[in-house]
Amino acid sequence: MTIPTIFLHGFNGDVSSTNQMIVAAERELNLHKSMLIYVNFSGEITYLDDGLLQDHNPIIQIVFQNRFALHKFRINKLYEIVKYLKSHYHIQKINGIGHSLGANDFVDLELMYGSSEKLPKLNKLVTIAGLFNGMFGFLDRCGLTSILSNGAPKHMTYEYKQRLKYKNCFPSGIRLLNVIGKSDPIHNNDHWVSFSSARSVKFLLQDRLESYEEYIVTGPMGEHTALNRNSDVEHTVNEFIWSNDSKNKEFVSDNKQVNLKIRKII
């Protein structure tokens, strides 16, 4: 079955934010980027299709011209895009890979519209440095310990509480890989997003997911803007999205400096 995979950059991102991950997938797995989707400042959407979208496991890249577009605007446009993919190209399933706010976009899209028959079903999702419980914790030494024994964040933003209210609207059966950064041994964050905020998606969705996996990156390559430009992360994401038996594998980096690991949670 052909399942397109959508790459989505975060706040203040651009086409370069996901280019390296896409090139890595093309090189490692002989895949092909079949569509580039531009959303301009006024919200007009342009679909640049090479005519090969029906090929096996094509790649789709979304780029917002306004790098600082608000979250609500981005979700509305993502909804329009995936709706169009189903109605125009008859796509029934998609995979999603989102970095930073792009990770939130995919999660919130499913919380809001996951039951809609107008949209293709989300199959697998990779969240990289998602700020699910906000950005408080920026350079916060308490980030790692701000999680209660049941896995819930000790402090919850208004947005996170709203997500909790609608968690049962999130479709069941989705597999999620959560990539989290911890860029130095002192501060429990990736320089921008606290460890607990990125990890809070587990508590939010654990009752809805088919499986949840974490990939924790420590050291300089665990910095927020390095996670989407990291060859070990790219390989792990490729295995998770495109390997049928990836959930039975463990990936350990050979890079002693970075100290990468994956842990099965569910």
Protein backbone atom coordinates (compact mmCIF):
# COMPACT_ATOMS: atom_id res chain seq x y z
CA MET A 1 0.00 0.00 0.00
CA THR A 2 1.29 3.47 -0.92
CA ILE A 3 1.37 5.76 2.13
CA PRO A 4 2.77 9.26 1.59
CA THR A 5 4.89 10.74 4.37
CA ILE A 6 4.50 14.45 5.10
CA PHE A 7 7.44 16.48 6.47
CA LEU A 8 6.51 19.66 8.34
CA HIS A 9 8.92 22.27 9.76
CA GLY A 10 8.41 24.24 12.95
CA PHE A 11 8.10 27.88 13.99
CA ASN A 12 10.76 30.06 12.30
CA GLY A 13 11.53 27.13 10.01
CA ASP A 14 11.74 26.96 6.24
CA VAL A 15 12.43 24.51 3.44
CA SER A 16 15.91 23.80 4.80
CA SER A 17 14.48 22.62 8.12
CA THR A 18 13.35 19.29 6.68
CA ASN A 19 15.51 19.07 3.55
CA GLN A 20 18.28 17.07 5.19
CA MET A 21 15.87 14.47 6.58
CA ILE A 22 14.21 14.13 3.19
CA VAL A 23 17.53 13.72 1.38
CA ALA A 24 18.57 11.09 3.93
CA ALA A 25 15.39 9.10 3.28
CA GLU A 26 15.86 9.39 -0.48
CA ARG A 27 19.47 8.26 -0.25
CA GLU A 28 19.04 5.49 2.33
CA LEU A 29 15.77 4.01 1.08
CA ASN A 30 15.67 5.09 -2.56
CA LEU A 31 12.52 7.14 -1.96
CA HIS A 32 11.37 10.20 -3.88
CA LYS A 33 9.96 13.60 -2.96
CA SER A 34 6.89 13.81 -5.16
CA MET A 35 5.26 17.00 -3.94
CA LEU A 36 6.29 20.35 -2.50
CA ILE A 37 3.45 22.35 -0.94
CA TYR A 38 3.86 26.09 -0.34
CA VAL A 39 1.55 28.13 1.88
CA ASN A 40 2.04 31.85 1.25
CA PHE A 41 1.51 34.75 3.65
CA SER A 42 -2.17 35.13 2.73
CA GLY A 43 -2.85 31.42 3.14
CA GLU A 44 -2.97 30.45 -0.54
CA ILE A 45 -1.70 26.93 -1.10
CA THR A 46 0.37 25.86 -4.11
CA TYR A 47 0.85 22.17 -4.87
CA LEU A 48 3.97 21.40 -6.93
CA ASP A 49 3.36 17.83 -8.05
CA ASP A 50 5.80 15.93 -10.26
CA GLY A 51 3.11 13.44 -11.28
CA LEU A 52 4.63 10.59 -9.29
CA LEU A 53 2.57 10.91 -6.11
CA GLN A 54 1.12 7.46 -6.70
CA ASP A 55 4.59 5.93 -6.58
CA HIS A 56 5.52 3.66 -3.70
CA ASN A 57 5.74 5.64 -0.41
CA PRO A 58 6.21 9.14 -1.83
CA ILE A 59 7.45 12.08 0.24
CA ILE A 60 5.53 15.36 0.62
CA GLN A 61 7.14 18.52 2.00
CA ILE A 62 5.09 21.42 3.40
CA VAL A 63 6.64 24.88 3.67
CA PHE A 64 5.06 27.99 5.21
CA GLN A 65 6.29 31.19 3.58
CA ASN A 66 5.52 33.00 6.84
CA ARG A 67 8.06 31.40 9.14
CA PHE A 68 6.28 32.91 12.14
CA ALA A 69 2.75 31.80 11.24
CA LEU A 70 0.59 31.19 14.30
CA HIS A 71 -0.30 27.68 15.40
CA LYS A 72 -4.03 28.09 14.61
CA PHE A 73 -3.24 29.28 11.08
CA ARG A 74 -0.89 26.35 10.53
CA ILE A 75 -3.44 23.77 11.72
CA ASN A 76 -6.14 25.24 9.49
CA LYS A 77 -3.83 25.04 6.48
CA LEU A 78 -2.67 21.54 7.35
CA TYR A 79 -6.33 20.51 7.50
CA GLU A 80 -6.94 22.00 4.04
CA ILE A 81 -3.87 20.25 2.65
CA VAL A 82 -4.59 16.73 3.90
CA LYS A 83 -8.25 17.11 2.95
CA TYR A 84 -7.15 18.02 -0.58
CA LEU A 85 -4.78 15.07 -0.72
CA LYS A 86 -7.67 12.73 -0.03
CA SER A 87 -10.25 14.37 -2.30
CA HIS A 88 -7.92 15.05 -5.25
CA TYR A 89 -5.40 12.21 -5.04
CA HIS A 90 -7.56 9.66 -3.18
CA ILE A 91 -4.96 9.19 -0.48
CA GLN A 92 -6.39 7.11 2.35
CA LYS A 93 -3.46 7.04 4.81
CA ILE A 94 -0.53 9.31 5.62
CA ASN A 95 2.54 9.32 7.86
CA GLY A 96 3.64 12.53 9.56
CA ILE A 97 7.07 13.83 10.61
CA GLY A 98 6.98 17.15 12.45
CA HIS A 99 9.78 19.15 14.02
CA SER A 100 9.08 21.55 16.90
CA LEU A 101 5.73 23.29 16.26
CA GLY A 102 5.27 20.95 13.30
CA ALA A 103 4.97 18.10 15.81
CA ASN A 104 2.23 20.00 17.65
CA ASP A 105 0.46 20.66 14.35
CA PHE A 106 0.06 16.95 13.62
CA VAL A 107 -1.07 16.07 17.16
CA ASP A 108 -3.57 18.92 17.37
CA LEU A 109 -4.91 18.20 13.88
CA GLU A 110 -5.77 14.67 15.02
CA LEU A 111 -7.27 15.89 18.30
CA MET A 112 -9.51 18.29 16.38
CA TYR A 113 -10.30 16.42 13.17
CA GLY A 114 -9.04 12.85 13.56
CA SER A 115 -12.52 11.35 13.28
CA SER A 116 -13.36 13.22 10.08
CA GLU A 117 -13.98 11.06 7.04
CA LYS A 118 -12.80 13.96 4.91
CA LEU A 119 -9.19 13.38 5.95
CA PRO A 120 -6.82 10.47 5.34
CA LYS A 121 -6.06 8.38 8.40
CA LEU A 122 -2.79 8.98 10.21
CA ASN A 123 -0.73 5.79 10.23
CA LYS A 124 2.59 6.65 11.90
CA LEU A 125 3.77 9.87 13.50
CA VAL A 126 7.23 11.14 14.41
CA THR A 127 7.37 14.09 16.79
CA ILE A 128 10.75 15.81 17.06
CA ALA A 129 11.22 18.34 19.89
CA GLY A 130 7.51 19.01 20.26
CA LEU A 131 6.50 21.71 22.74
CA PHE A 132 3.33 19.94 23.87
CA ASN A 133 3.28 21.51 27.33
CA GLY A 134 4.56 24.90 26.26
CA MET A 135 8.00 26.46 26.30
CA PHE A 136 8.19 27.26 29.97
CA GLY A 137 11.19 25.39 31.24
CA PHE A 138 13.48 27.22 28.84
CA LEU A 139 16.91 26.72 30.41
CA ASP A 140 15.14 25.26 33.46
CA ARG A 141 17.09 22.93 35.73
CA CYS A 142 13.82 21.45 37.03
CA GLY A 143 12.46 20.31 33.67
CA LEU A 144 13.37 16.64 34.04
CA THR A 145 11.85 16.30 37.51
CA SER A 146 8.64 18.14 36.65
CA ILE A 147 6.83 14.88 35.92
CA LEU A 148 4.63 13.13 38.48
CA SER A 149 4.89 9.42 39.23
CA ASN A 150 1.95 8.68 36.90
CA GLY A 151 3.77 10.40 34.03
CA ALA A 152 1.68 13.57 34.09
CA PRO A 153 3.43 16.95 33.92
CA LYS A 154 3.56 18.58 37.33
CA HIS A 155 2.70 21.95 35.80
CA MET A 156 0.30 22.12 32.86
CA THR A 157 -0.24 24.99 30.45
CA TYR A 158 -3.76 26.01 29.47
CA GLU A 159 -3.15 24.53 26.01
CA TYR A 160 -2.06 21.21 27.45
CA LYS A 161 -5.15 21.04 29.66
CA GLN A 162 -7.27 21.67 26.58
CA ARG A 163 -5.52 18.83 24.79
CA LEU A 164 -6.26 16.52 27.71
CA LYS A 165 -9.97 17.35 27.44
CA TYR A 166 -10.01 16.12 23.86
CA LYS A 167 -7.53 13.25 24.07
CA ASN A 168 -10.25 10.67 23.42
CA CYS A 169 -10.85 12.34 20.06
CA PHE A 170 -7.37 11.26 18.99
CA PRO A 171 -7.77 8.22 16.69
CA SER A 172 -6.67 4.90 18.11
CA GLY A 173 -4.12 2.63 16.47
CA ILE A 174 -1.44 5.19 15.60
CA ARG A 175 2.23 4.41 16.25
CA LEU A 176 4.31 7.29 17.57
CA LEU A 177 8.06 7.87 17.78
CA ASN A 178 8.95 10.80 20.03
CA VAL A 179 12.43 12.31 19.58
CA ILE A 180 13.56 14.37 22.59
CA GLY A 181 16.70 16.42 23.05
CA LYS A 182 18.73 17.18 26.16
CA SER A 183 21.58 19.32 24.98
CA ASP A 184 23.70 19.63 28.12
CA PRO A 185 24.09 17.87 31.50
CA ILE A 186 22.88 20.87 33.51
CA HIS A 187 19.70 22.06 31.85
CA ASN A 188 16.92 19.55 31.23
CA ASN A 189 15.96 20.81 27.81
CA ASP A 190 17.10 21.11 24.21
CA HIS A 191 17.86 24.79 24.81
CA TRP A 192 14.32 25.81 23.79
CA VAL A 193 11.89 23.09 24.93
CA SER A 194 12.03 21.38 28.30
CA PHE A 195 12.47 17.62 28.47
CA SER A 196 9.18 17.27 30.34
CA SER A 197 7.27 19.33 27.77
CA ALA A 198 8.52 17.24 24.86
CA ARG A 199 7.81 14.05 26.78
CA SER A 200 4.32 15.09 27.92
CA VAL A 201 2.81 13.79 24.67
CA LYS A 202 3.23 10.30 26.13
CA PHE A 203 0.87 10.97 29.03
CA LEU A 204 -1.50 12.79 26.70
CA LEU A 205 -1.88 9.99 24.16
CA GLN A 206 -0.70 6.77 25.82
CA ASP A 207 -4.23 5.34 26.08
CA ARG A 208 -4.88 5.98 22.39
CA LEU A 209 -1.69 4.82 20.70
CA GLU A 210 -0.88 1.40 19.33
CA SER A 211 2.73 1.97 20.40
CA TYR A 212 4.90 4.73 21.79
CA GLU A 213 8.70 4.89 21.48
CA GLU A 214 11.22 7.46 22.64
CA TYR A 215 14.53 8.40 21.12
CA ILE A 216 16.53 10.55 23.52
CA VAL A 217 19.45 12.60 22.23
CA THR A 218 21.97 14.03 24.70
CA GLY A 219 24.92 16.28 24.07
CA PRO A 220 25.38 19.02 21.45
CA MET A 221 23.34 17.15 18.84
CA GLY A 222 20.41 17.15 21.25
CA GLU A 223 19.98 20.90 20.74
CA HIS A 224 16.58 21.92 19.36
CA THR A 225 17.75 22.97 15.91
CA ALA A 226 20.23 20.09 15.62
CA LEU A 227 17.73 17.27 16.12
CA ASN A 228 16.39 17.63 12.58
CA ARG A 229 19.92 17.66 11.16
CA ASN A 230 21.25 14.56 12.87
CA SER A 231 22.20 11.46 10.86
CA ASP A 232 21.41 9.08 13.73
CA VAL A 233 17.96 10.59 14.17
CA GLU A 234 17.42 10.41 10.41
CA HIS A 235 18.28 6.70 10.34
CA THR A 236 15.99 5.95 13.28
CA VAL A 237 13.12 7.90 11.75
CA ASN A 238 13.61 6.09 8.43
CA GLU A 239 13.50 2.71 10.15
CA PHE A 240 10.41 3.64 12.13
CA ILE A 241 8.42 5.02 9.21
CA TRP A 242 9.44 2.69 6.40
CA SER A 243 10.45 -0.59 8.03
CA ASN A 244 7.57 -2.95 8.72
CA ASP A 245 9.24 -4.46 11.77
CA SER A 246 10.86 -1.31 13.14
CA LYS A 247 9.03 -1.45 16.46
CA ASN A 248 10.87 -4.67 17.30
CA LYS A 249 14.28 -3.06 16.82
CA GLU A 250 16.50 -0.95 19.01
CA PHE A 251 18.87 1.64 17.58
CA VAL A 252 22.03 2.70 19.34
CA SER A 253 24.35 5.34 17.97
CA ASP A 254 28.02 4.65 17.28
CA ASN A 255 28.66 8.31 18.00
CA LYS A 256 30.03 8.31 21.55
CA GLN A 257 29.82 12.11 21.71
CA VAL A 258 26.10 12.23 21.13
CA ASN A 259 24.97 9.29 23.28
CA LEU A 260 21.74 8.43 21.48
CA LYS A 261 19.37 5.72 22.57
CA ILE A 262 15.85 4.48 22.01
CA ARG A 263 13.64 3.03 24.68
CA LYS A 264 10.43 1.09 24.21
CA ILE A 265 7.74 2.49 26.51
CA ILE A 266 4.67 0.63 25.32
